[in-house]
């Protein structure tokens, strides 16, 4: 959370990555509160998953700042971050898509390796994180809506955001985590699967960032 607050101060509010960073910081703060209140079945597993998950986003930030290339899933957000035709909600959803569509499955596997357990042992905490995200998603969309005109069916943003589902993305991430865990003794296949997942999330992110004005 300290890292996210630091980068929040470094970027202008309208920067696309800054928009996602604010959303992600809100989510992370809420999960931290719930861990402190004992809302997770296994607080240690939940905290481990949360930290390893966040580190993948921060690694993409660091790679870009150093002049390197972040994973394919993150590239559209960093490339379009200052595009005047992309709305804040698009930036937020593109970041969420990158993080859940690629990073989450890898973070589950990282967590299992760190704790010496299998995916089944962290599934309850994974589901609880998902419930927290779902509860916050509605608020995030409302806060980033450009105005009442969005409710009009003719607004392109209405169609664009309706094509992406957090619930489906979470389900796909869990399925991918189980596949990656099953491939842990076959590193070449696991690496290829992760690369395909990365490329697919990047393609979806680029579509979500289609300039609308």
N, C-alpha and C. Protein backbone atom coordinates (compact mmCIF):
# COMPACT_ATOMS: atom_id res chain seq x y z
N UNK A 1 0.84 -1.20 0.00
CA UNK A 1 0.00 0.00 0.00
C UNK A 1 0.87 1.25 0.00
N UNK A 2 2.01 1.19 0.71
CA UNK A 2 2.92 2.35 0.72
C UNK A 2 3.47 2.61 -0.68
N UNK A 3 3.81 1.54 -1.41
CA UNK A 3 4.30 1.70 -2.78
C UNK A 3 3.23 2.34 -3.65
N UNK A 4 2.00 1.88 -3.53
CA UNK A 4 0.91 2.42 -4.35
C UNK A 4 0.65 3.88 -4.02
N UNK A 5 0.75 4.24 -2.76
CA UNK A 5 0.55 5.64 -2.37
C UNK A 5 1.68 6.52 -2.92
N UNK A 6 2.87 5.97 -2.98
CA UNK A 6 4.00 6.73 -3.52
C UNK A 6 3.80 7.03 -5.00
N UNK A 7 3.45 6.00 -5.77
CA UNK A 7 3.26 6.24 -7.21
C UNK A 7 2.04 7.11 -7.46
N UNK A 8 1.08 7.05 -6.58
CA UNK A 8 -0.10 7.92 -6.72
C UNK A 8 0.31 9.38 -6.68
N UNK A 9 1.28 9.70 -5.85
CA UNK A 9 1.75 11.08 -5.74
C UNK A 9 2.63 11.49 -6.92
N UNK A 10 3.20 10.51 -7.60
CA UNK A 10 4.13 10.81 -8.68
C UNK A 10 3.43 11.08 -10.01
N UNK A 11 2.22 10.54 -10.19
CA UNK A 11 1.53 10.64 -11.48
C UNK A 11 0.37 11.62 -11.40
N UNK A 12 0.08 12.34 -12.48
CA UNK A 12 -1.09 13.23 -12.49
C UNK A 12 -2.38 12.41 -12.41
N UNK A 13 -3.44 12.94 -11.83
CA UNK A 13 -4.68 12.17 -11.63
C UNK A 13 -5.29 11.61 -12.91
N UNK A 14 -5.11 12.31 -14.04
CA UNK A 14 -5.74 11.86 -15.28
C UNK A 14 -4.92 10.79 -15.99
N UNK A 15 -3.72 10.50 -15.54
CA UNK A 15 -2.89 9.45 -16.11
C UNK A 15 -3.63 8.11 -15.98
N UNK A 16 -3.66 7.33 -17.08
CA UNK A 16 -4.42 6.08 -17.07
C UNK A 16 -3.95 5.08 -16.04
N UNK A 17 -2.63 4.96 -15.84
CA UNK A 17 -2.13 4.03 -14.84
C UNK A 17 -2.46 4.55 -13.44
N UNK A 18 -2.45 5.86 -13.27
CA UNK A 18 -2.82 6.44 -11.98
C UNK A 18 -4.28 6.15 -11.65
N UNK A 19 -5.14 6.15 -12.66
CA UNK A 19 -6.56 5.82 -12.45
C UNK A 19 -6.67 4.40 -11.90
N UNK A 20 -6.00 3.46 -12.57
CA UNK A 20 -6.04 2.07 -12.07
C UNK A 20 -5.41 1.97 -10.69
N UNK A 21 -4.30 2.67 -10.46
CA UNK A 21 -3.61 2.60 -9.18
C UNK A 21 -4.53 3.03 -8.03
N UNK A 22 -5.32 4.08 -8.26
CA UNK A 22 -6.26 4.53 -7.22
C UNK A 22 -7.29 3.45 -6.93
N UNK A 23 -7.79 2.82 -7.98
CA UNK A 23 -8.77 1.74 -7.81
C UNK A 23 -8.13 0.58 -7.04
N UNK A 24 -6.94 0.19 -7.44
CA UNK A 24 -6.29 -0.96 -6.81
C UNK A 24 -5.92 -0.66 -5.36
N UNK A 25 -5.51 0.56 -5.08
CA UNK A 25 -5.21 0.92 -3.69
C UNK A 25 -6.46 0.81 -2.83
N UNK A 26 -7.60 1.26 -3.35
CA UNK A 26 -8.86 1.14 -2.62
C UNK A 26 -9.18 -0.32 -2.31
N UNK A 27 -9.01 -1.18 -3.30
CA UNK A 27 -9.28 -2.61 -3.11
C UNK A 27 -8.33 -3.20 -2.08
N UNK A 28 -7.05 -2.87 -2.19
CA UNK A 28 -6.05 -3.44 -1.28
C UNK A 28 -6.27 -2.99 0.16
N UNK A 29 -6.65 -1.73 0.32
CA UNK A 29 -6.94 -1.23 1.67
C UNK A 29 -8.14 -1.96 2.27
N UNK A 30 -9.14 -2.23 1.45
CA UNK A 30 -10.33 -2.94 1.95
C UNK A 30 -9.98 -4.37 2.33
N UNK A 31 -9.18 -5.04 1.52
CA UNK A 31 -8.77 -6.41 1.84
C UNK A 31 -7.95 -6.43 3.13
N UNK A 32 -7.07 -5.45 3.30
CA UNK A 32 -6.27 -5.36 4.53
C UNK A 32 -7.17 -5.20 5.75
N UNK A 33 -8.21 -4.37 5.63
CA UNK A 33 -9.14 -4.19 6.74
C UNK A 33 -9.85 -5.50 7.06
N UNK A 34 -10.24 -6.22 6.02
CA UNK A 34 -10.95 -7.48 6.25
C UNK A 34 -10.05 -8.54 6.86
N UNK A 35 -8.79 -8.55 6.47
CA UNK A 35 -7.84 -9.48 7.09
C UNK A 35 -7.69 -9.16 8.57
N UNK A 36 -7.56 -7.87 8.89
CA UNK A 36 -7.41 -7.45 10.29
C UNK A 36 -8.65 -7.82 11.12
N UNK A 37 -9.81 -7.82 10.49
CA UNK A 37 -11.05 -8.13 11.20
C UNK A 37 -11.37 -9.62 11.23
N UNK A 38 -10.47 -10.44 10.67
CA UNK A 38 -10.67 -11.89 10.70
C UNK A 38 -11.73 -12.39 9.75
N UNK A 39 -11.92 -11.67 8.63
CA UNK A 39 -12.97 -12.06 7.68
C UNK A 39 -12.52 -13.15 6.71
N UNK A 40 -11.24 -13.48 6.71
CA UNK A 40 -10.73 -14.50 5.79
C UNK A 40 -10.52 -15.82 6.54
N UNK A 41 -10.82 -16.96 5.90
CA UNK A 41 -10.64 -18.26 6.54
C UNK A 41 -9.22 -18.49 7.05
N UNK A 42 -8.22 -18.09 6.24
CA UNK A 42 -6.82 -18.24 6.62
C UNK A 42 -6.13 -16.90 6.37
N UNK A 43 -6.01 -16.06 7.39
CA UNK A 43 -5.43 -14.72 7.19
C UNK A 43 -4.02 -14.74 6.59
N UNK A 44 -3.22 -15.72 6.98
CA UNK A 44 -1.86 -15.78 6.44
C UNK A 44 -1.89 -16.06 4.94
N UNK A 45 -2.72 -16.99 4.52
CA UNK A 45 -2.82 -17.30 3.10
C UNK A 45 -3.37 -16.11 2.33
N UNK A 46 -4.36 -15.43 2.90
CA UNK A 46 -4.95 -14.27 2.23
C UNK A 46 -3.92 -13.15 2.07
N UNK A 47 -3.16 -12.89 3.13
CA UNK A 47 -2.15 -11.83 3.07
C UNK A 47 -1.05 -12.19 2.06
N UNK A 48 -0.64 -13.46 2.05
CA UNK A 48 0.39 -13.90 1.10
C UNK A 48 -0.09 -13.72 -0.33
N UNK A 49 -1.32 -14.17 -0.61
CA UNK A 49 -1.88 -14.02 -1.95
C UNK A 49 -1.98 -12.55 -2.33
N UNK A 50 -2.44 -11.73 -1.41
CA UNK A 50 -2.62 -10.30 -1.69
C UNK A 50 -1.29 -9.63 -2.03
N UNK A 51 -0.24 -9.95 -1.26
CA UNK A 51 1.06 -9.33 -1.48
C UNK A 51 1.70 -9.81 -2.78
N UNK A 52 1.68 -11.13 -3.02
CA UNK A 52 2.29 -11.66 -4.23
C UNK A 52 1.54 -11.19 -5.48
N UNK A 53 0.24 -11.02 -5.35
CA UNK A 53 -0.59 -10.50 -6.42
C UNK A 53 -0.19 -9.05 -6.73
N UNK A 54 -0.12 -8.22 -5.71
CA UNK A 54 0.23 -6.80 -5.90
C UNK A 54 1.64 -6.63 -6.44
N UNK A 55 2.55 -7.51 -6.04
CA UNK A 55 3.93 -7.38 -6.50
C UNK A 55 4.05 -7.51 -8.01
N UNK A 56 3.15 -8.24 -8.63
CA UNK A 56 3.19 -8.39 -10.09
C UNK A 56 2.82 -7.08 -10.78
N UNK A 57 1.85 -6.38 -10.24
CA UNK A 57 1.51 -5.06 -10.79
C UNK A 57 2.67 -4.09 -10.59
N UNK A 58 3.24 -4.08 -9.39
CA UNK A 58 4.34 -3.15 -9.09
C UNK A 58 5.59 -3.49 -9.91
N UNK A 59 5.77 -4.77 -10.24
CA UNK A 59 6.89 -5.15 -11.10
C UNK A 59 6.71 -4.57 -12.50
N UNK A 60 5.46 -4.53 -12.97
CA UNK A 60 5.18 -3.93 -14.28
C UNK A 60 5.47 -2.43 -14.24
N UNK A 61 5.10 -1.78 -13.13
CA UNK A 61 5.40 -0.36 -12.96
C UNK A 61 6.90 -0.12 -12.98
N UNK A 62 7.64 -0.94 -12.25
CA UNK A 62 9.10 -0.77 -12.17
C UNK A 62 9.76 -1.02 -13.52
N UNK A 63 9.28 -2.06 -14.23
CA UNK A 63 9.86 -2.38 -15.54
C UNK A 63 9.69 -1.22 -16.51
N UNK A 64 8.50 -0.63 -16.51
CA UNK A 64 8.23 0.50 -17.40
C UNK A 64 9.06 1.71 -17.02
N UNK A 65 9.17 1.99 -15.73
CA UNK A 65 9.95 3.14 -15.26
C UNK A 65 11.43 3.00 -15.62
N UNK A 66 11.89 1.76 -15.69
CA UNK A 66 13.30 1.51 -16.02
C UNK A 66 13.54 1.44 -17.52
N UNK A 67 12.50 1.68 -18.31
CA UNK A 67 12.65 1.64 -19.76
C UNK A 67 12.51 0.25 -20.35
N UNK A 68 12.07 -0.72 -19.55
CA UNK A 68 11.88 -2.08 -20.04
C UNK A 68 10.47 -2.31 -20.54
N UNK A 69 10.17 -3.56 -20.84
CA UNK A 69 8.85 -3.93 -21.34
C UNK A 69 8.12 -4.72 -20.26
N UNK A 70 6.96 -4.26 -19.84
CA UNK A 70 6.16 -5.03 -18.89
C UNK A 70 5.53 -6.22 -19.60
N UNK A 71 4.91 -7.14 -18.89
CA UNK A 71 4.20 -8.24 -19.55
C UNK A 71 3.18 -7.72 -20.56
N UNK A 72 2.86 -8.54 -21.55
CA UNK A 72 1.96 -8.13 -22.64
C UNK A 72 0.61 -7.65 -22.12
N UNK A 73 0.15 -8.23 -21.02
CA UNK A 73 -1.16 -7.85 -20.48
C UNK A 73 -1.19 -6.40 -20.03
N UNK A 74 -0.04 -5.87 -19.60
CA UNK A 74 0.04 -4.50 -19.08
C UNK A 74 0.40 -3.48 -20.14
N UNK A 75 0.94 -3.90 -21.27
CA UNK A 75 1.44 -2.95 -22.25
C UNK A 75 0.38 -1.98 -22.77
N UNK A 76 -0.83 -2.42 -23.10
CA UNK A 76 -1.82 -1.46 -23.60
C UNK A 76 -2.08 -0.32 -22.61
N UNK A 77 -2.18 -0.64 -21.32
CA UNK A 77 -2.45 0.40 -20.33
C UNK A 77 -1.32 1.41 -20.28
N UNK A 78 -0.08 0.95 -20.29
CA UNK A 78 1.05 1.88 -20.24
C UNK A 78 1.21 2.65 -21.55
N UNK A 79 0.86 2.02 -22.67
CA UNK A 79 0.98 2.70 -23.96
C UNK A 79 -0.10 3.77 -24.15
N UNK A 80 -1.29 3.52 -23.65
CA UNK A 80 -2.42 4.43 -23.87
C UNK A 80 -2.68 5.34 -22.66
N UNK A 81 -1.85 5.31 -21.68
CA UNK A 81 -2.12 5.98 -20.41
C UNK A 81 -2.40 7.47 -20.53
N UNK A 82 -1.92 8.10 -21.58
CA UNK A 82 -2.13 9.55 -21.76
C UNK A 82 -3.01 9.86 -22.97
N UNK A 83 -3.67 8.86 -23.52
CA UNK A 83 -4.50 9.09 -24.71
C UNK A 83 -5.74 9.89 -24.33
N UNK A 84 -5.99 11.02 -24.97
CA UNK A 84 -7.13 11.86 -24.59
C UNK A 84 -8.49 11.26 -24.94
N UNK A 85 -8.51 10.26 -25.81
CA UNK A 85 -9.79 9.69 -26.21
C UNK A 85 -10.23 8.51 -25.38
N UNK A 86 -9.44 8.13 -24.38
CA UNK A 86 -9.78 6.99 -23.51
C UNK A 86 -10.32 7.51 -22.19
N UNK A 87 -11.45 6.99 -21.75
CA UNK A 87 -12.10 7.48 -20.53
C UNK A 87 -11.55 6.77 -19.28
N UNK A 88 -11.68 7.40 -18.12
CA UNK A 88 -11.13 6.81 -16.89
C UNK A 88 -11.61 5.40 -16.60
N UNK A 89 -12.90 5.12 -16.84
CA UNK A 89 -13.42 3.78 -16.58
C UNK A 89 -12.71 2.74 -17.44
N UNK A 90 -12.37 3.11 -18.67
CA UNK A 90 -11.65 2.19 -19.54
C UNK A 90 -10.27 1.87 -18.97
N UNK A 91 -9.57 2.89 -18.47
CA UNK A 91 -8.26 2.65 -17.85
C UNK A 91 -8.39 1.70 -16.66
N UNK A 92 -9.39 1.94 -15.83
CA UNK A 92 -9.58 1.10 -14.65
C UNK A 92 -9.84 -0.35 -15.03
N UNK A 93 -10.74 -0.56 -16.00
CA UNK A 93 -11.09 -1.92 -16.40
C UNK A 93 -9.92 -2.61 -17.11
N UNK A 94 -9.16 -1.85 -17.89
CA UNK A 94 -8.00 -2.45 -18.56
C UNK A 94 -6.97 -2.92 -17.54
N UNK A 95 -6.77 -2.14 -16.48
CA UNK A 95 -5.85 -2.57 -15.43
C UNK A 95 -6.35 -3.78 -14.68
N UNK A 96 -7.64 -3.78 -14.37
CA UNK A 96 -8.23 -4.92 -13.68
C UNK A 96 -8.14 -6.16 -14.55
N UNK A 97 -8.40 -6.00 -15.85
CA UNK A 97 -8.30 -7.13 -16.78
C UNK A 97 -6.89 -7.70 -16.81
N UNK A 98 -5.88 -6.83 -16.89
CA UNK A 98 -4.49 -7.30 -16.91
C UNK A 98 -4.15 -8.05 -15.63
N UNK A 99 -4.57 -7.49 -14.51
CA UNK A 99 -4.19 -8.05 -13.22
C UNK A 99 -4.90 -9.38 -12.95
N UNK A 100 -6.17 -9.46 -13.31
CA UNK A 100 -6.91 -10.69 -13.05
C UNK A 100 -6.71 -11.69 -14.19
N UNK A 101 -6.67 -11.17 -15.44
CA UNK A 101 -6.55 -12.07 -16.58
C UNK A 101 -5.20 -12.74 -16.72
N UNK A 102 -4.19 -12.22 -16.06
CA UNK A 102 -2.86 -12.83 -16.13
C UNK A 102 -2.22 -13.01 -14.76
N UNK A 103 -2.14 -11.94 -13.99
CA UNK A 103 -1.37 -11.97 -12.74
C UNK A 103 -1.97 -12.85 -11.66
N UNK A 104 -3.31 -12.90 -11.60
CA UNK A 104 -3.95 -13.60 -10.48
C UNK A 104 -3.64 -15.09 -10.47
N UNK A 105 -3.71 -15.73 -11.62
CA UNK A 105 -3.42 -17.16 -11.67
C UNK A 105 -1.98 -17.44 -11.24
N UNK A 106 -1.05 -16.61 -11.70
CA UNK A 106 0.35 -16.79 -11.32
C UNK A 106 0.56 -16.52 -9.83
N UNK A 107 -0.19 -15.56 -9.29
CA UNK A 107 -0.08 -15.26 -7.86
C UNK A 107 -0.60 -16.42 -7.01
N UNK A 108 -1.64 -17.09 -7.48
CA UNK A 108 -2.14 -18.28 -6.76
C UNK A 108 -1.06 -19.34 -6.71
N UNK A 109 -0.42 -19.60 -7.84
CA UNK A 109 0.66 -20.60 -7.88
C UNK A 109 1.82 -20.16 -6.98
N UNK A 110 2.19 -18.89 -7.04
CA UNK A 110 3.25 -18.37 -6.16
C UNK A 110 2.90 -18.58 -4.69
N UNK A 111 1.64 -18.33 -4.36
CA UNK A 111 1.18 -18.49 -2.97
C UNK A 111 1.29 -19.94 -2.53
N UNK A 112 0.86 -20.85 -3.40
CA UNK A 112 0.93 -22.27 -3.05
C UNK A 112 2.37 -22.72 -2.83
N UNK A 113 3.26 -22.24 -3.66
CA UNK A 113 4.67 -22.60 -3.50
C UNK A 113 5.25 -22.01 -2.22
N UNK A 114 4.85 -20.78 -1.92
CA UNK A 114 5.35 -20.12 -0.71
C UNK A 114 4.88 -20.82 0.55
N UNK A 115 3.62 -21.23 0.55
CA UNK A 115 3.02 -21.83 1.75
C UNK A 115 3.13 -23.35 1.77
N UNK A 116 3.61 -23.95 0.68
CA UNK A 116 3.73 -25.40 0.63
C UNK A 116 2.40 -26.11 0.63
N UNK A 117 1.46 -25.61 -0.15
CA UNK A 117 0.13 -26.21 -0.21
C UNK A 117 -0.33 -26.25 -1.66
N UNK A 118 -1.54 -26.79 -1.88
CA UNK A 118 -2.11 -26.82 -3.21
C UNK A 118 -3.20 -25.77 -3.36
N UNK A 119 -3.71 -25.58 -4.58
CA UNK A 119 -4.76 -24.57 -4.79
C UNK A 119 -6.00 -24.77 -3.93
N UNK A 120 -6.35 -26.01 -3.65
CA UNK A 120 -7.56 -26.27 -2.86
C UNK A 120 -7.49 -25.61 -1.49
N UNK A 121 -6.26 -25.52 -0.92
CA UNK A 121 -6.10 -24.94 0.42
C UNK A 121 -6.26 -23.42 0.43
N UNK A 122 -6.14 -22.78 -0.71
CA UNK A 122 -6.30 -21.31 -0.75
C UNK A 122 -7.57 -20.89 -1.48
N UNK A 123 -8.37 -21.87 -1.88
CA UNK A 123 -9.57 -21.54 -2.67
C UNK A 123 -10.54 -20.66 -1.89
N UNK A 124 -10.73 -20.93 -0.61
CA UNK A 124 -11.68 -20.14 0.18
C UNK A 124 -11.24 -18.69 0.26
N UNK A 125 -9.94 -18.46 0.43
CA UNK A 125 -9.43 -17.09 0.49
C UNK A 125 -9.50 -16.43 -0.89
N UNK A 126 -9.25 -17.20 -1.94
CA UNK A 126 -9.40 -16.69 -3.30
C UNK A 126 -10.83 -16.22 -3.53
N UNK A 127 -11.79 -17.03 -3.11
CA UNK A 127 -13.20 -16.67 -3.28
C UNK A 127 -13.55 -15.42 -2.48
N UNK A 128 -12.98 -15.30 -1.28
CA UNK A 128 -13.28 -14.14 -0.45
C UNK A 128 -12.72 -12.87 -1.08
N UNK A 129 -11.53 -12.95 -1.66
CA UNK A 129 -10.96 -11.81 -2.37
C UNK A 129 -11.87 -11.44 -3.54
N UNK A 130 -12.37 -12.47 -4.24
CA UNK A 130 -13.26 -12.23 -5.36
C UNK A 130 -14.55 -11.55 -4.94
N UNK A 131 -15.08 -11.95 -3.80
CA UNK A 131 -16.30 -11.32 -3.29
C UNK A 131 -16.05 -9.84 -2.97
N UNK A 132 -14.88 -9.55 -2.42
CA UNK A 132 -14.53 -8.16 -2.11
C UNK A 132 -14.43 -7.34 -3.38
N UNK A 133 -13.79 -7.90 -4.40
CA UNK A 133 -13.67 -7.21 -5.68
C UNK A 133 -15.05 -6.94 -6.28
N UNK A 134 -15.92 -7.94 -6.23
CA UNK A 134 -17.26 -7.78 -6.81
C UNK A 134 -18.04 -6.70 -6.09
N UNK A 135 -17.90 -6.64 -4.77
CA UNK A 135 -18.63 -5.63 -4.00
C UNK A 135 -18.15 -4.22 -4.33
N UNK A 136 -16.84 -4.10 -4.62
CA UNK A 136 -16.28 -2.79 -4.92
C UNK A 136 -16.44 -2.40 -6.38
N UNK A 137 -16.66 -3.39 -7.25
CA UNK A 137 -16.73 -3.09 -8.67
C UNK A 137 -17.86 -2.11 -8.99
N UNK A 138 -19.01 -2.33 -8.37
CA UNK A 138 -20.15 -1.45 -8.64
C UNK A 138 -19.82 -0.01 -8.24
N UNK A 139 -19.18 0.14 -7.09
CA UNK A 139 -18.81 1.48 -6.63
C UNK A 139 -17.78 2.12 -7.56
N UNK A 140 -16.85 1.32 -8.03
CA UNK A 140 -15.82 1.82 -8.93
C UNK A 140 -16.44 2.31 -10.22
N UNK A 141 -17.36 1.54 -10.77
CA UNK A 141 -18.01 1.94 -12.02
C UNK A 141 -18.80 3.23 -11.82
N UNK A 142 -19.49 3.34 -10.70
CA UNK A 142 -20.28 4.54 -10.45
C UNK A 142 -19.39 5.78 -10.31
N UNK A 143 -18.26 5.62 -9.62
CA UNK A 143 -17.37 6.75 -9.41
C UNK A 143 -16.72 7.22 -10.70
N UNK A 144 -16.49 6.31 -11.64
CA UNK A 144 -15.78 6.64 -12.86
C UNK A 144 -16.70 6.85 -14.06
N UNK A 145 -18.02 6.77 -13.84
CA UNK A 145 -18.96 7.03 -14.92
C UNK A 145 -18.83 8.49 -15.34
N UNK A 146 -18.82 8.76 -16.64
CA UNK A 146 -18.65 10.14 -17.08
C UNK A 146 -19.87 11.02 -16.88
N UNK A 147 -21.02 10.45 -16.55
CA UNK A 147 -22.22 11.27 -16.36
C UNK A 147 -23.47 10.50 -16.74
N UNK A 148 -24.62 11.13 -16.60
CA UNK A 148 -25.88 10.43 -16.87
C UNK A 148 -26.03 9.97 -18.31
N UNK A 149 -25.29 10.59 -19.25
CA UNK A 149 -25.41 10.19 -20.65
C UNK A 149 -24.96 8.75 -20.86
N UNK A 150 -24.14 8.24 -19.92
CA UNK A 150 -23.66 6.87 -20.06
C UNK A 150 -24.81 5.88 -20.05
N UNK A 151 -25.90 6.24 -19.40
CA UNK A 151 -27.04 5.34 -19.31
C UNK A 151 -27.74 5.18 -20.65
N UNK A 152 -27.44 6.05 -21.60
CA UNK A 152 -28.05 5.93 -22.90
C UNK A 152 -27.44 4.76 -23.66
N UNK A 153 -28.29 3.97 -24.27
CA UNK A 153 -27.83 2.76 -24.94
C UNK A 153 -26.91 3.07 -26.10
N UNK A 154 -26.99 4.29 -26.65
CA UNK A 154 -26.17 4.66 -27.80
C UNK A 154 -24.73 4.98 -27.43
N UNK A 155 -24.45 5.17 -26.17
CA UNK A 155 -23.09 5.52 -25.77
C UNK A 155 -22.17 4.32 -26.00
N UNK A 156 -21.10 4.47 -26.79
CA UNK A 156 -20.20 3.34 -27.06
C UNK A 156 -19.60 2.73 -25.80
N UNK A 157 -19.38 3.54 -24.75
CA UNK A 157 -18.80 3.02 -23.53
C UNK A 157 -19.72 2.00 -22.87
N UNK A 158 -21.03 2.21 -23.01
CA UNK A 158 -21.99 1.25 -22.45
C UNK A 158 -21.77 -0.12 -23.06
N UNK A 159 -21.58 -0.17 -24.36
CA UNK A 159 -21.35 -1.45 -25.05
C UNK A 159 -19.99 -2.03 -24.68
N UNK A 160 -18.98 -1.18 -24.58
CA UNK A 160 -17.63 -1.65 -24.33
C UNK A 160 -17.50 -2.30 -22.96
N UNK A 161 -17.99 -1.61 -21.93
CA UNK A 161 -17.85 -2.17 -20.59
C UNK A 161 -18.77 -3.36 -20.36
N UNK A 162 -19.86 -3.43 -21.14
CA UNK A 162 -20.74 -4.58 -21.03
C UNK A 162 -20.17 -5.85 -21.60
N UNK A 163 -19.10 -5.71 -22.40
CA UNK A 163 -18.48 -6.88 -23.03
C UNK A 163 -17.47 -7.57 -22.12
N UNK A 164 -17.16 -6.96 -20.97
CA UNK A 164 -16.16 -7.54 -20.06
C UNK A 164 -16.82 -7.84 -18.73
N UNK A 165 -16.50 -8.99 -18.15
CA UNK A 165 -17.13 -9.42 -16.90
C UNK A 165 -16.07 -9.79 -15.87
N UNK A 166 -16.14 -9.16 -14.71
CA UNK A 166 -15.22 -9.49 -13.62
C UNK A 166 -15.43 -10.93 -13.17
N UNK A 167 -16.67 -11.36 -13.07
CA UNK A 167 -16.95 -12.72 -12.61
C UNK A 167 -16.34 -13.76 -13.55
N UNK A 168 -16.51 -13.56 -14.86
CA UNK A 168 -15.94 -14.52 -15.82
C UNK A 168 -14.42 -14.49 -15.77
N UNK A 169 -13.85 -13.29 -15.58
CA UNK A 169 -12.40 -13.18 -15.50
C UNK A 169 -11.86 -13.91 -14.27
N UNK A 170 -12.55 -13.79 -13.15
CA UNK A 170 -12.13 -14.50 -11.92
C UNK A 170 -12.21 -16.01 -12.12
N UNK A 171 -13.30 -16.48 -12.72
CA UNK A 171 -13.46 -17.92 -12.95
C UNK A 171 -12.34 -18.44 -13.85
N UNK A 172 -12.01 -17.68 -14.89
CA UNK A 172 -10.94 -18.08 -15.80
C UNK A 172 -9.60 -18.10 -15.08
N UNK A 173 -9.39 -17.14 -14.19
CA UNK A 173 -8.13 -17.08 -13.44
C UNK A 173 -7.96 -18.30 -12.54
N UNK A 174 -9.04 -18.69 -11.89
CA UNK A 174 -8.95 -19.87 -11.02
C UNK A 174 -8.67 -21.13 -11.84
N UNK A 175 -9.36 -21.27 -12.98
CA UNK A 175 -9.12 -22.42 -13.85
C UNK A 175 -7.67 -22.42 -14.34
N UNK A 176 -7.16 -21.26 -14.71
CA UNK A 176 -5.78 -21.16 -15.18
C UNK A 176 -4.79 -21.51 -14.07
N UNK A 177 -5.08 -21.09 -12.85
CA UNK A 177 -4.20 -21.41 -11.73
C UNK A 177 -4.12 -22.92 -11.52
N UNK A 178 -5.25 -23.59 -11.63
CA UNK A 178 -5.26 -25.05 -11.46
C UNK A 178 -4.47 -25.73 -12.57
N UNK A 179 -4.61 -25.22 -13.80
CA UNK A 179 -3.84 -25.79 -14.92
C UNK A 179 -2.34 -25.58 -14.70
N UNK A 180 -1.96 -24.37 -14.31
CA UNK A 180 -0.54 -24.09 -14.07
C UNK A 180 0.02 -24.94 -12.95
N UNK A 181 -0.79 -25.15 -11.91
CA UNK A 181 -0.33 -26.00 -10.81
C UNK A 181 -0.15 -27.44 -11.30
N UNK A 182 -1.06 -27.90 -12.15
CA UNK A 182 -0.94 -29.24 -12.70
C UNK A 182 0.27 -29.40 -13.62
N UNK A 183 0.73 -28.29 -14.19
CA UNK A 183 1.87 -28.33 -15.10
C UNK A 183 3.19 -28.01 -14.41
N UNK A 184 3.19 -27.95 -13.09
CA UNK A 184 4.40 -27.48 -12.39
C UNK A 184 5.60 -28.40 -12.62
N UNK A 185 5.36 -29.67 -12.97
CA UNK A 185 6.47 -30.58 -13.26
C UNK A 185 6.84 -30.54 -14.74
N UNK A 186 6.14 -29.71 -15.52
CA UNK A 186 6.40 -29.57 -16.95
C UNK A 186 6.64 -28.07 -17.23
N UNK A 187 7.78 -27.55 -16.84
CA UNK A 187 8.01 -26.10 -16.88
C UNK A 187 7.87 -25.49 -18.27
N UNK A 188 8.27 -26.21 -19.32
CA UNK A 188 8.16 -25.65 -20.67
C UNK A 188 6.70 -25.44 -21.05
N UNK A 189 5.85 -26.41 -20.75
CA UNK A 189 4.43 -26.27 -21.05
C UNK A 189 3.80 -25.19 -20.18
N UNK A 190 4.19 -25.14 -18.92
CA UNK A 190 3.66 -24.12 -18.01
C UNK A 190 4.03 -22.73 -18.51
N UNK A 191 5.26 -22.56 -18.96
CA UNK A 191 5.72 -21.27 -19.47
C UNK A 191 4.94 -20.88 -20.73
N UNK A 192 4.73 -21.83 -21.62
CA UNK A 192 3.99 -21.53 -22.84
C UNK A 192 2.54 -21.16 -22.52
N UNK A 193 1.93 -21.90 -21.58
CA UNK A 193 0.55 -21.59 -21.19
C UNK A 193 0.46 -20.18 -20.61
N UNK A 194 1.40 -19.82 -19.76
CA UNK A 194 1.40 -18.49 -19.15
C UNK A 194 1.60 -17.41 -20.20
N UNK A 195 2.44 -17.67 -21.18
CA UNK A 195 2.66 -16.70 -22.25
C UNK A 195 1.40 -16.49 -23.06
N UNK A 196 0.68 -17.57 -23.37
CA UNK A 196 -0.58 -17.45 -24.12
C UNK A 196 -1.61 -16.67 -23.31
N UNK A 197 -1.65 -16.94 -22.03
CA UNK A 197 -2.57 -16.23 -21.15
C UNK A 197 -2.23 -14.74 -21.11
N UNK A 198 -0.96 -14.43 -21.06
CA UNK A 198 -0.49 -13.05 -21.06
C UNK A 198 -0.90 -12.33 -22.35
N UNK A 199 -0.67 -12.99 -23.48
CA UNK A 199 -1.01 -12.39 -24.77
C UNK A 199 -2.51 -12.18 -24.90
N UNK A 200 -3.30 -13.15 -24.43
CA UNK A 200 -4.76 -13.02 -24.50
C UNK A 200 -5.27 -11.86 -23.67
N UNK A 201 -4.73 -11.71 -22.46
CA UNK A 201 -5.14 -10.59 -21.61
C UNK A 201 -4.74 -9.26 -22.23
N UNK A 202 -3.59 -9.24 -22.90
CA UNK A 202 -3.16 -8.02 -23.57
C UNK A 202 -4.09 -7.63 -24.70
N UNK A 203 -4.57 -8.62 -25.45
CA UNK A 203 -5.50 -8.35 -26.55
C UNK A 203 -6.82 -7.78 -26.02
N UNK A 204 -7.33 -8.36 -24.94
CA UNK A 204 -8.57 -7.85 -24.34
C UNK A 204 -8.35 -6.43 -23.83
N UNK A 205 -7.20 -6.19 -23.20
CA UNK A 205 -6.90 -4.86 -22.70
C UNK A 205 -6.87 -3.82 -23.80
N UNK A 206 -6.30 -4.17 -24.94
CA UNK A 206 -6.24 -3.22 -26.05
C UNK A 206 -7.64 -2.90 -26.55
N UNK A 207 -8.52 -3.90 -26.56
CA UNK A 207 -9.91 -3.65 -26.98
C UNK A 207 -10.61 -2.73 -25.97
N UNK A 208 -10.39 -2.95 -24.68
CA UNK A 208 -11.02 -2.12 -23.65
C UNK A 208 -10.56 -0.67 -23.74
N UNK A 209 -9.39 -0.44 -24.30
CA UNK A 209 -8.84 0.91 -24.38
C UNK A 209 -9.09 1.56 -25.74
N UNK A 210 -10.05 1.06 -26.49
CA UNK A 210 -10.40 1.67 -27.76
C UNK A 210 -10.81 3.13 -27.54
N UNK A 211 -10.13 4.08 -28.17
CA UNK A 211 -10.50 5.50 -27.99
C UNK A 211 -11.93 5.74 -28.43
N UNK A 212 -12.68 6.46 -27.61
CA UNK A 212 -14.11 6.69 -27.87
C UNK A 212 -14.41 8.12 -28.23
N UNK A 213 -13.41 8.99 -28.24
CA UNK A 213 -13.63 10.37 -28.66
C UNK A 213 -12.34 10.97 -29.20
